[in-house]
Amino acid sequence: MVYDVSKLTDFHYSALKEISNIGIGNAVTSLATMLGSEVKIMTPSLKVARIEEVAEFSGGADKLVSGVLMKLSGGVNGYMVMLLPLESAQLICNNITKEENSDITNPMNESLISEVGHILGSTYMTAFSDFLRVDVFASAPFHTYDMIGAIMDNILIQMSQEVEHAIILDTLFTLKGNDMHGKILTLFDPLSLELILEQVDAMFR
């Protein structure tokens, strides 16, 4: 069966959102352990968008963000990306280093943000993998502070343009009473996304 991803049904969205809620819930538990502080999360909204729409939905191509990239391999291929506004990235660093207005481009803070992204990403993808019974492995994280448009262009180059859609999770974390916005993107090549949707159909129908 060939899926027209632009015409996913409410059933597909509900199933993907249920899987994502489990994954992000596990990820937040791991993040709270790392930070040594309670982290709360609002139920994330989920959108499947064409790749050229990702920048628009994420704040605009020129918006500067802290990004953590991880390559996905195994039963499916693609990338996972965590995007944080400057203020949210600083909040993470401030909480760990006890500094104020942390410089997120300093190597130590880049490492901290990368580790947060890796914990969120790998825990999320483990739940995703277990739930759908599809092996997915996340690479070591790479941190960048750049415009969203540039980050997406770099991913498209790495994937040789073999990506048409992205699954976008838009959520709000609360850390010590402070709001921390974030987006988690998963970008799969067309064959991988089709496999995932086939697994959704097989499991939920």
C-alpha atoms as a PDB file:
ATOM      1  CA  MET A   1       0.000   0.000   0.000  1.00  0.00           C
ATOM      2  CA  VAL A   2       1.332   3.438  -0.931  1.00  0.00           C
ATOM      3  CA  TYR A   3       0.324   6.173   1.499  1.00  0.00           C
ATOM      4  CA  ASP A   4      -0.462   9.717   0.414  1.00  0.00           C
ATOM      5  CA  VAL A   5       1.056  11.322   3.519  1.00  0.00           C
ATOM      6  CA  SER A   6      -0.609  14.637   2.742  1.00  0.00           C
ATOM      7  CA  LYS A   7      -3.966  12.894   3.299  1.00  0.00           C
ATOM      8  CA  LEU A   8      -3.422  11.026   6.540  1.00  0.00           C
ATOM      9  CA  THR A   9      -6.635  10.095   8.327  1.00  0.00           C
ATOM     10  CA  ASP A  10      -7.677  11.126  11.818  1.00  0.00           C
ATOM     11  CA  PHE A  11      -6.909   7.530  12.798  1.00  0.00           C
ATOM     12  CA  HIS A  12      -3.275   7.879  11.702  1.00  0.00           C
ATOM     13  CA  TYR A  13      -2.890  11.170  13.565  1.00  0.00           C
ATOM     14  CA  SER A  14      -4.442   9.721  16.727  1.00  0.00           C
ATOM     15  CA  ALA A  15      -2.168   6.668  16.599  1.00  0.00           C
ATOM     16  CA  LEU A  16       0.974   8.719  15.967  1.00  0.00           C
ATOM     17  CA  LYS A  17       0.017  11.097  18.769  1.00  0.00           C
ATOM     18  CA  GLU A  18      -0.550   8.216  21.206  1.00  0.00           C
ATOM     19  CA  ILE A  19       2.863   6.770  20.370  1.00  0.00           C
ATOM     20  CA  SER A  20       4.457  10.217  20.677  1.00  0.00           C
ATOM     21  CA  ASN A  21       2.824  10.861  24.054  1.00  0.00           C
ATOM     22  CA  ILE A  22       4.310   7.635  25.413  1.00  0.00           C
ATOM     23  CA  GLY A  23       7.727   8.458  23.973  1.00  0.00           C
ATOM     24  CA  ILE A  24       7.850  12.050  25.169  1.00  0.00           C
ATOM     25  CA  GLY A  25       6.526  11.048  28.611  1.00  0.00           C
ATOM     26  CA  ASN A  26       9.389   8.575  29.026  1.00  0.00           C
ATOM     27  CA  ALA A  27      11.825  11.170  27.725  1.00  0.00           C
ATOM     28  CA  VAL A  28      10.713  13.777  30.255  1.00  0.00           C
ATOM     29  CA  THR A  29      11.180  11.282  33.086  1.00  0.00           C
ATOM     30  CA  SER A  30      14.771  10.737  31.921  1.00  0.00           C
ATOM     31  CA  LEU A  31      15.314  14.490  31.575  1.00  0.00           C
ATOM     32  CA  ALA A  32      14.087  15.121  35.133  1.00  0.00           C
ATOM     33  CA  THR A  33      16.564  12.525  36.398  1.00  0.00           C
ATOM     34  CA  MET A  34      19.415  14.228  34.547  1.00  0.00           C
ATOM     35  CA  LEU A  35      18.484  17.718  35.758  1.00  0.00           C
ATOM     36  CA  GLY A  36      17.708  16.574  39.303  1.00  0.00           C
ATOM     37  CA  SER A  37      14.507  18.582  39.189  1.00  0.00           C
ATOM     38  CA  GLU A  38      10.856  17.938  38.392  1.00  0.00           C
ATOM     39  CA  VAL A  39       9.983  18.576  34.767  1.00  0.00           C
ATOM     40  CA  LYS A  40       6.352  18.918  33.748  1.00  0.00           C
ATOM     41  CA  ILE A  41       5.067  18.745  30.208  1.00  0.00           C
ATOM     42  CA  MET A  42       1.918  19.782  28.408  1.00  0.00           C
ATOM     43  CA  THR A  43       0.460  17.223  26.014  1.00  0.00           C
ATOM     44  CA  PRO A  44       2.287  17.954  22.769  1.00  0.00           C
ATOM     45  CA  SER A  45       0.512  18.884  19.581  1.00  0.00           C
ATOM     46  CA  LEU A  46       1.435  16.804  16.552  1.00  0.00           C
ATOM     47  CA  LYS A  47       1.559  17.831  12.934  1.00  0.00           C
ATOM     48  CA  VAL A  48       2.778  16.093   9.803  1.00  0.00           C
ATOM     49  CA  ALA A  49       4.043  18.774   7.441  1.00  0.00           C
ATOM     50  CA  ARG A  50       5.798  18.940   4.121  1.00  0.00           C
ATOM     51  CA  ILE A  51       9.487  19.579   4.571  1.00  0.00           C
ATOM     52  CA  GLU A  52       9.277  23.046   3.016  1.00  0.00           C
ATOM     53  CA  GLU A  53       6.701  24.015   5.662  1.00  0.00           C
ATOM     54  CA  VAL A  54       8.808  22.995   8.683  1.00  0.00           C
ATOM     55  CA  ALA A  55      10.613  26.338   9.035  1.00  0.00           C
ATOM     56  CA  GLU A  56       7.318  28.236   8.913  1.00  0.00           C
ATOM     57  CA  PHE A  57       5.748  26.044  11.604  1.00  0.00           C
ATOM     58  CA  SER A  58       8.897  26.331  13.729  1.00  0.00           C
ATOM     59  CA  GLY A  59       9.130  30.116  13.872  1.00  0.00           C
ATOM     60  CA  GLY A  60      10.417  31.097  10.435  1.00  0.00           C
ATOM     61  CA  ALA A  61      13.512  30.256   8.377  1.00  0.00           C
ATOM     62  CA  ASP A  62      15.505  33.169   9.855  1.00  0.00           C
ATOM     63  CA  LYS A  63      14.802  32.326  13.505  1.00  0.00           C
ATOM     64  CA  LEU A  64      17.941  31.464  15.479  1.00  0.00           C
ATOM     65  CA  VAL A  65      17.581  28.314  17.552  1.00  0.00           C
ATOM     66  CA  SER A  66      19.641  25.826  19.483  1.00  0.00           C
ATOM     67  CA  GLY A  67      19.399  22.592  17.533  1.00  0.00           C
ATOM     68  CA  VAL A  68      20.447  19.062  18.410  1.00  0.00           C
ATOM     69  CA  LEU A  69      20.610  16.652  15.465  1.00  0.00           C
ATOM     70  CA  MET A  70      20.711  12.862  15.587  1.00  0.00           C
ATOM     71  CA  LYS A  71      20.799  10.495  12.637  1.00  0.00           C
ATOM     72  CA  LEU A  72      18.323   7.601  12.778  1.00  0.00           C
ATOM     73  CA  SER A  73      19.168   4.212  11.366  1.00  0.00           C
ATOM     74  CA  GLY A  74      18.131   0.573  11.632  1.00  0.00           C
ATOM     75  CA  GLY A  75      14.708  -0.479  10.418  1.00  0.00           C
ATOM     76  CA  VAL A  76      14.035   3.102   9.356  1.00  0.00           C
ATOM     77  CA  ASN A  77      16.268   5.950   8.212  1.00  0.00           C
ATOM     78  CA  GLY A  78      16.102   9.653   8.877  1.00  0.00           C
ATOM     79  CA  TYR A  79      16.925  12.369  11.386  1.00  0.00           C
ATOM     80  CA  MET A  80      15.603  13.558  14.714  1.00  0.00           C
ATOM     81  CA  VAL A  81      16.008  17.227  15.587  1.00  0.00           C
ATOM     82  CA  MET A  82      15.344  19.080  18.844  1.00  0.00           C
ATOM     83  CA  LEU A  83      14.837  22.812  18.374  1.00  0.00           C
ATOM     84  CA  LEU A  84      14.966  25.172  21.363  1.00  0.00           C
ATOM     85  CA  PRO A  85      14.640  28.953  21.413  1.00  0.00           C
ATOM     86  CA  LEU A  86      17.639  30.709  22.983  1.00  0.00           C
ATOM     87  CA  GLU A  87      15.770  31.332  26.252  1.00  0.00           C
ATOM     88  CA  SER A  88      14.849  27.648  26.652  1.00  0.00           C
ATOM     89  CA  ALA A  89      18.400  26.482  25.923  1.00  0.00           C
ATOM     90  CA  GLN A  90      19.735  28.987  28.457  1.00  0.00           C
ATOM     91  CA  LEU A  91      17.238  27.787  31.058  1.00  0.00           C
ATOM     92  CA  ILE A  92      18.623  24.246  30.766  1.00  0.00           C
ATOM     93  CA  CYS A  93      22.215  25.453  31.101  1.00  0.00           C
ATOM     94  CA  ASN A  94      21.405  27.856  33.935  1.00  0.00           C
ATOM     95  CA  ASN A  95      19.726  25.048  35.877  1.00  0.00           C
ATOM     96  CA  ILE A  96      22.772  22.785  35.610  1.00  0.00           C
ATOM     97  CA  THR A  97      25.642  25.291  35.881  1.00  0.00           C
ATOM     98  CA  LYS A  98      23.859  27.721  38.243  1.00  0.00           C
ATOM     99  CA  GLU A  99      24.932  30.570  35.959  1.00  0.00           C
ATOM    100  CA  GLU A 100      22.688  33.306  34.603  1.00  0.00           C
ATOM    101  CA  ASN A 101      22.252  34.051  30.907  1.00  0.00           C
ATOM    102  CA  SER A 102      24.484  31.149  29.938  1.00  0.00           C
ATOM    103  CA  ASP A 103      26.403  31.380  26.677  1.00  0.00           C
ATOM    104  CA  ILE A 104      25.000  28.386  24.782  1.00  0.00           C
ATOM    105  CA  THR A 105      27.837  28.492  22.243  1.00  0.00           C
ATOM    106  CA  ASN A 106      30.476  27.787  24.878  1.00  0.00           C
ATOM    107  CA  PRO A 107      31.710  24.173  24.495  1.00  0.00           C
ATOM    108  CA  MET A 108      30.582  23.056  27.949  1.00  0.00           C
ATOM    109  CA  ASN A 109      27.063  24.367  27.443  1.00  0.00           C
ATOM    110  CA  GLU A 110      26.924  22.945  23.928  1.00  0.00           C
ATOM    111  CA  SER A 111      27.765  19.593  25.462  1.00  0.00           C
ATOM    112  CA  LEU A 112      25.010  19.991  28.069  1.00  0.00           C
ATOM    113  CA  ILE A 113      22.389  20.850  25.459  1.00  0.00           C
ATOM    114  CA  SER A 114      23.555  17.978  23.264  1.00  0.00           C
ATOM    115  CA  GLU A 115      23.159  15.576  26.186  1.00  0.00           C
ATOM    116  CA  VAL A 116      19.643  16.866  26.896  1.00  0.00           C
ATOM    117  CA  GLY A 117      18.764  16.426  23.226  1.00  0.00           C
ATOM    118  CA  HIS A 118      20.236  12.943  23.202  1.00  0.00           C
ATOM    119  CA  ILE A 119      18.313  11.898  26.311  1.00  0.00           C
ATOM    120  CA  LEU A 120      15.043  13.234  24.892  1.00  0.00           C
ATOM    121  CA  GLY A 121      15.687  11.871  21.423  1.00  0.00           C
ATOM    122  CA  SER A 122      17.003   8.418  22.262  1.00  0.00           C
ATOM    123  CA  THR A 123      14.387   7.777  24.981  1.00  0.00           C
ATOM    124  CA  TYR A 124      11.623   8.977  22.674  1.00  0.00           C
ATOM    125  CA  MET A 125      12.833   6.785  19.813  1.00  0.00           C
ATOM    126  CA  THR A 126      13.238   3.751  22.092  1.00  0.00           C
ATOM    127  CA  ALA A 127       9.570   4.007  23.038  1.00  0.00           C
ATOM    128  CA  PHE A 128       8.697   4.587  19.394  1.00  0.00           C
ATOM    129  CA  SER A 129      10.744   1.527  18.391  1.00  0.00           C
ATOM    130  CA  ASP A 130       9.286  -0.717  21.101  1.00  0.00           C
ATOM    131  CA  PHE A 131       5.729   0.313  20.387  1.00  0.00           C
ATOM    132  CA  LEU A 132       5.874  -0.211  16.627  1.00  0.00           C
ATOM    133  CA  ARG A 133       8.365  -3.091  16.741  1.00  0.00           C
ATOM    134  CA  VAL A 134      10.662  -1.308  14.325  1.00  0.00           C
ATOM    135  CA  ASP A 135      14.343  -1.072  15.201  1.00  0.00           C
ATOM    136  CA  VAL A 136      15.482   2.548  15.418  1.00  0.00           C
ATOM    137  CA  PHE A 137      18.891   3.697  16.609  1.00  0.00           C
ATOM    138  CA  ALA A 138      19.909   7.307  17.290  1.00  0.00           C
ATOM    139  CA  SER A 139      23.475   8.466  16.609  1.00  0.00           C
ATOM    140  CA  ALA A 140      25.584  10.620  18.892  1.00  0.00           C
ATOM    141  CA  PRO A 141      24.108  14.144  19.033  1.00  0.00           C
ATOM    142  CA  PHE A 142      25.428  17.172  17.185  1.00  0.00           C
ATOM    143  CA  HIS A 143      24.666  20.666  18.498  1.00  0.00           C
ATOM    144  CA  THR A 144      24.315  23.739  16.344  1.00  0.00           C
ATOM    145  CA  TYR A 145      23.159  27.298  16.958  1.00  0.00           C
ATOM    146  CA  ASP A 146      21.845  28.526  13.643  1.00  0.00           C
ATOM    147  CA  MET A 147      18.815  29.678  11.683  1.00  0.00           C
ATOM    148  CA  ILE A 148      16.082  27.073  11.271  1.00  0.00           C
ATOM    149  CA  GLY A 149      16.291  27.341   7.500  1.00  0.00           C
ATOM    150  CA  ALA A 150      20.025  26.571   7.544  1.00  0.00           C
ATOM    151  CA  ILE A 151      19.535  23.594   9.865  1.00  0.00           C
ATOM    152  CA  MET A 152      16.851  22.112   7.620  1.00  0.00           C
ATOM    153  CA  ASP A 153      18.935  22.707   4.480  1.00  0.00           C
ATOM    154  CA  ASN A 154      21.839  20.843   6.089  1.00  0.00           C
ATOM    155  CA  ILE A 155      19.614  17.854   6.891  1.00  0.00           C
ATOM    156  CA  LEU A 156      18.267  17.759   3.343  1.00  0.00           C
ATOM    157  CA  ILE A 157      21.822  17.715   2.009  1.00  0.00           C
ATOM    158  CA  GLN A 158      22.735  14.864   4.375  1.00  0.00           C
ATOM    159  CA  MET A 159      19.659  12.900   3.303  1.00  0.00           C
ATOM    160  CA  SER A 160      20.246  13.665  -0.388  1.00  0.00           C
ATOM    161  CA  GLN A 161      16.771  15.268  -0.529  1.00  0.00           C
ATOM    162  CA  GLU A 162      15.186  11.876   0.297  1.00  0.00           C
ATOM    163  CA  VAL A 163      12.645  13.346   2.667  1.00  0.00           C
ATOM    164  CA  GLU A 164       9.266  14.834   1.932  1.00  0.00           C
ATOM    165  CA  HIS A 165       7.538  15.157   5.295  1.00  0.00           C
ATOM    166  CA  ALA A 166       8.370  15.760   8.940  1.00  0.00           C
ATOM    167  CA  ILE A 167       6.499  14.775  12.085  1.00  0.00           C
ATOM    168  CA  ILE A 168       6.508  17.856  14.316  1.00  0.00           C
ATOM    169  CA  LEU A 169       5.925  17.661  18.070  1.00  0.00           C
ATOM    170  CA  ASP A 170       5.355  21.082  19.580  1.00  0.00           C
ATOM    171  CA  THR A 171       5.361  21.076  23.356  1.00  0.00           C
ATOM    172  CA  LEU A 172       5.884  23.126  26.482  1.00  0.00           C
ATOM    173  CA  PHE A 173       8.017  21.937  29.393  1.00  0.00           C
ATOM    174  CA  THR A 174       8.033  23.548  32.831  1.00  0.00           C
ATOM    175  CA  LEU A 175      11.272  23.494  34.789  1.00  0.00           C
ATOM    176  CA  LYS A 176      11.284  25.041  38.272  1.00  0.00           C
ATOM    177  CA  GLY A 177       8.263  27.153  37.353  1.00  0.00           C
ATOM    178  CA  ASN A 178       9.837  28.421  34.140  1.00  0.00           C
ATOM    179  CA  ASP A 179       8.364  27.612  30.751  1.00  0.00           C
ATOM    180  CA  MET A 180      10.628  25.913  28.227  1.00  0.00           C
ATOM    181  CA  HIS A 181       9.305  25.663  24.681  1.00  0.00           C
ATOM    182  CA  GLY A 182      10.615  23.035  22.341  1.00  0.00           C
ATOM    183  CA  LYS A 183       9.981  21.234  19.098  1.00  0.00           C
ATOM    184  CA  ILE A 184      11.016  17.704  18.253  1.00  0.00           C
ATOM    185  CA  LEU A 185      11.114  16.855  14.568  1.00  0.00           C
ATOM    186  CA  THR A 186      11.393  13.383  13.108  1.00  0.00           C
ATOM    187  CA  LEU A 187      12.202  13.213   9.415  1.00  0.00           C
ATOM    188  CA  PHE A 188      12.037   9.841   7.683  1.00  0.00           C
ATOM    189  CA  ASP A 189      12.745   8.960   4.090  1.00  0.00           C
ATOM    190  CA  PRO A 190       9.559   8.011   2.164  1.00  0.00           C
ATOM    191  CA  LEU A 191      10.068   4.242   2.476  1.00  0.00           C
ATOM    192  CA  SER A 192      10.641   4.503   6.227  1.00  0.00           C
ATOM    193  CA  LEU A 193       7.569   6.659   6.771  1.00  0.00           C
ATOM    194  CA  GLU A 194       5.494   4.220   4.732  1.00  0.00           C
ATOM    195  CA  LEU A 195       6.781   1.325   6.861  1.00  0.00           C
ATOM    196  CA  ILE A 196       5.830   3.192  10.046  1.00  0.00           C
ATOM    197  CA  LEU A 197       2.311   3.857   8.766  1.00  0.00           C
ATOM    198  CA  GLU A 198       1.944   0.205   7.747  1.00  0.00           C
ATOM    199  CA  GLN A 199       2.919  -0.809  11.285  1.00  0.00           C
ATOM    200  CA  VAL A 200       0.369   1.652  12.706  1.00  0.00           C
ATOM    201  CA  ASP A 201      -2.345   0.075  10.562  1.00  0.00           C
ATOM    202  CA  ALA A 202      -1.305  -3.451  11.533  1.00  0.00           C
ATOM    203  CA  MET A 203      -1.251  -2.705  15.266  1.00  0.00           C
ATOM    204  CA  PHE A 204      -4.312  -0.531  15.686  1.00  0.00           C
ATOM    205  CA  ARG A 205      -6.756  -2.047  13.216  1.00  0.00           C
END
